Amino acid sequence: MLSEEVRLSEAVAQKRKQAKQILVTKLDLTKIDGNGDFSCPTCGVTISPEDETENVYTILEEKVRNNALEELVIQCNACSNRICLTGFPSLEMDTSETE
């Protein structure tokens, strides 16, 4: 009887751990056509970089390396799916002094 309770307890703990795991979908922006709009891979809502209201998505994390945006993690407000965006265009910046 005790071993059944232990197995049940372990099963419940494993289930809770799985429920807390958050899946993140990776999306490379260099592989999409158009002006940067894309559909949420889970619910299909259109996410646009032009939308600065955060009504459709929320920015969760920005990863910057050498003053260039490398990754952006957003969350779809419709379905709570997290999306890691990569492939941002690197803009060459002239850091030399102007004469």
C-alpha atoms as a PDB file:
ATOM      1  CA  MET A   1       0.000   0.000   0.000  1.00  0.00           C
ATOM      2  CA  LEU A   2       2.807   2.384   0.891  1.00  0.00           C
ATOM      3  CA  SER A   3       4.582   1.844  -2.446  1.00  0.00           C
ATOM      4  CA  GLU A   4       1.345   2.684  -4.307  1.00  0.00           C
ATOM      5  CA  GLU A   5       1.109   5.960  -2.367  1.00  0.00           C
ATOM      6  CA  VAL A   6       4.743   6.755  -3.211  1.00  0.00           C
ATOM      7  CA  ARG A   7       4.143   6.026  -6.906  1.00  0.00           C
ATOM      8  CA  LEU A   8       1.027   8.179  -6.873  1.00  0.00           C
ATOM      9  CA  SER A   9       2.897  10.996  -5.148  1.00  0.00           C
ATOM     10  CA  GLU A  10       5.705  10.787  -7.713  1.00  0.00           C
ATOM     11  CA  ALA A  11       3.191  10.790 -10.571  1.00  0.00           C
ATOM     12  CA  VAL A  12       1.490  13.910  -9.187  1.00  0.00           C
ATOM     13  CA  ALA A  13       4.862  15.666  -8.764  1.00  0.00           C
ATOM     14  CA  GLN A  14       5.841  14.782 -12.350  1.00  0.00           C
ATOM     15  CA  LYS A  15       2.492  16.063 -13.666  1.00  0.00           C
ATOM     16  CA  ARG A  16       2.962  19.401 -11.870  1.00  0.00           C
ATOM     17  CA  LYS A  17       6.472  19.724 -13.261  1.00  0.00           C
ATOM     18  CA  GLN A  18       5.195  19.122 -16.789  1.00  0.00           C
ATOM     19  CA  ALA A  19       2.434  21.692 -16.324  1.00  0.00           C
ATOM     20  CA  LYS A  20       4.977  24.349 -15.348  1.00  0.00           C
ATOM     21  CA  GLN A  21       7.151  23.821 -18.417  1.00  0.00           C
ATOM     22  CA  ILE A  22       6.628  26.572 -20.969  1.00  0.00           C
ATOM     23  CA  LEU A  23       7.149  25.784 -24.619  1.00  0.00           C
ATOM     24  CA  VAL A  24       8.856  28.400 -26.759  1.00  0.00           C
ATOM     25  CA  THR A  25       8.516  28.374 -30.533  1.00  0.00           C
ATOM     26  CA  LYS A  26      11.570  29.617 -32.437  1.00  0.00           C
ATOM     27  CA  LEU A  27      10.939  31.727 -35.546  1.00  0.00           C
ATOM     28  CA  ASP A  28      13.675  32.959 -37.903  1.00  0.00           C
ATOM     29  CA  LEU A  29      12.580  36.260 -39.449  1.00  0.00           C
ATOM     30  CA  THR A  30      14.885  35.753 -42.444  1.00  0.00           C
ATOM     31  CA  LYS A  31      12.663  32.856 -43.508  1.00  0.00           C
ATOM     32  CA  ILE A  32       9.380  34.780 -43.716  1.00  0.00           C
ATOM     33  CA  ASP A  33       8.147  36.820 -46.658  1.00  0.00           C
ATOM     34  CA  GLY A  34       6.676  40.288 -46.555  1.00  0.00           C
ATOM     35  CA  ASN A  35       7.120  43.212 -44.226  1.00  0.00           C
ATOM     36  CA  GLY A  36       7.659  41.291 -40.992  1.00  0.00           C
ATOM     37  CA  ASP A  37       4.081  40.275 -40.160  1.00  0.00           C
ATOM     38  CA  PHE A  38       3.672  36.627 -39.198  1.00  0.00           C
ATOM     39  CA  SER A  39       1.015  34.381 -37.703  1.00  0.00           C
ATOM     40  CA  CYS A  40       1.253  32.936 -34.215  1.00  0.00           C
ATOM     41  CA  PRO A  41       2.211  29.288 -34.740  1.00  0.00           C
ATOM     42  CA  THR A  42      -0.373  28.189 -32.149  1.00  0.00           C
ATOM     43  CA  CYS A  43      -3.512  30.275 -32.691  1.00  0.00           C
ATOM     44  CA  GLY A  44      -2.882  32.010 -36.038  1.00  0.00           C
ATOM     45  CA  VAL A  45      -3.381  35.610 -34.889  1.00  0.00           C
ATOM     46  CA  THR A  46      -1.367  38.081 -36.991  1.00  0.00           C
ATOM     47  CA  ILE A  47       1.597  39.592 -35.160  1.00  0.00           C
ATOM     48  CA  SER A  48       3.018  42.754 -36.687  1.00  0.00           C
ATOM     49  CA  PRO A  49       6.215  44.593 -35.773  1.00  0.00           C
ATOM     50  CA  GLU A  50       4.339  47.804 -36.532  1.00  0.00           C
ATOM     51  CA  ASP A  51       1.985  47.182 -33.576  1.00  0.00           C
ATOM     52  CA  GLU A  52       3.508  48.997 -30.605  1.00  0.00           C
ATOM     53  CA  THR A  53       0.389  48.795 -28.413  1.00  0.00           C
ATOM     54  CA  GLU A  54       1.125  45.324 -26.978  1.00  0.00           C
ATOM     55  CA  ASN A  55      -2.558  44.446 -27.531  1.00  0.00           C
ATOM     56  CA  VAL A  56      -1.629  41.396 -29.631  1.00  0.00           C
ATOM     57  CA  TYR A  57       1.709  40.427 -28.084  1.00  0.00           C
ATOM     58  CA  THR A  58       3.936  41.332 -25.142  1.00  0.00           C
ATOM     59  CA  ILE A  59       7.718  41.618 -25.252  1.00  0.00           C
ATOM     60  CA  LEU A  60       9.201  39.395 -22.538  1.00  0.00           C
ATOM     61  CA  GLU A  61      12.940  39.449 -23.190  1.00  0.00           C
ATOM     62  CA  GLU A  62      15.471  41.124 -25.469  1.00  0.00           C
ATOM     63  CA  LYS A  63      18.924  39.663 -26.116  1.00  0.00           C
ATOM     64  CA  VAL A  64      21.422  42.173 -27.428  1.00  0.00           C
ATOM     65  CA  ARG A  65      24.998  41.414 -28.449  1.00  0.00           C
ATOM     66  CA  ASN A  66      27.470  44.078 -29.599  1.00  0.00           C
ATOM     67  CA  ASN A  67      24.682  46.685 -29.731  1.00  0.00           C
ATOM     68  CA  ALA A  68      22.640  44.531 -32.137  1.00  0.00           C
ATOM     69  CA  LEU A  69      19.347  42.811 -31.373  1.00  0.00           C
ATOM     70  CA  GLU A  70      20.001  39.059 -31.495  1.00  0.00           C
ATOM     71  CA  GLU A  71      16.781  37.548 -30.109  1.00  0.00           C
ATOM     72  CA  LEU A  72      13.427  38.795 -28.956  1.00  0.00           C
ATOM     73  CA  VAL A  73      11.072  36.646 -26.886  1.00  0.00           C
ATOM     74  CA  ILE A  74       7.425  37.666 -27.135  1.00  0.00           C
ATOM     75  CA  GLN A  75       4.192  36.183 -25.844  1.00  0.00           C
ATOM     76  CA  CYS A  76       1.010  36.036 -27.890  1.00  0.00           C
ATOM     77  CA  ASN A  77      -1.747  37.640 -25.825  1.00  0.00           C
ATOM     78  CA  ALA A  78      -4.425  35.490 -27.493  1.00  0.00           C
ATOM     79  CA  CYS A  79      -3.041  32.059 -26.559  1.00  0.00           C
ATOM     80  CA  SER A  80      -0.013  32.781 -24.289  1.00  0.00           C
ATOM     81  CA  ASN A  81       2.361  31.006 -26.700  1.00  0.00           C
ATOM     82  CA  ARG A  82       5.937  32.250 -26.360  1.00  0.00           C
ATOM     83  CA  ILE A  83       7.862  32.922 -29.544  1.00  0.00           C
ATOM     84  CA  CYS A  84      11.613  33.460 -29.788  1.00  0.00           C
ATOM     85  CA  LEU A  85      12.334  35.666 -32.791  1.00  0.00           C
ATOM     86  CA  THR A  86      15.766  35.478 -34.440  1.00  0.00           C
ATOM     87  CA  GLY A  87      17.262  36.667 -37.724  1.00  0.00           C
ATOM     88  CA  PHE A  88      17.004  40.393 -37.183  1.00  0.00           C
ATOM     89  CA  PRO A  89      18.656  42.361 -39.965  1.00  0.00           C
ATOM     90  CA  SER A  90      22.020  43.633 -38.848  1.00  0.00           C
ATOM     91  CA  LEU A  91      22.404  47.258 -39.739  1.00  0.00           C
ATOM     92  CA  GLU A  92      25.940  48.325 -40.360  1.00  0.00           C
ATOM     93  CA  MET A  93      26.559  51.408 -38.312  1.00  0.00           C
ATOM     94  CA  ASP A  94      29.392  53.763 -39.114  1.00  0.00           C
ATOM     95  CA  THR A  95      31.045  54.436 -35.782  1.00  0.00           C
ATOM     96  CA  SER A  96      33.783  56.627 -37.201  1.00  0.00           C
ATOM     97  CA  GLU A  97      33.680  60.268 -36.353  1.00  0.00           C
ATOM     98  CA  THR A  98      32.215  62.608 -38.919  1.00  0.00           C
ATOM     99  CA  GLU A  99      34.610  65.162 -40.310  1.00  0.00           C
END
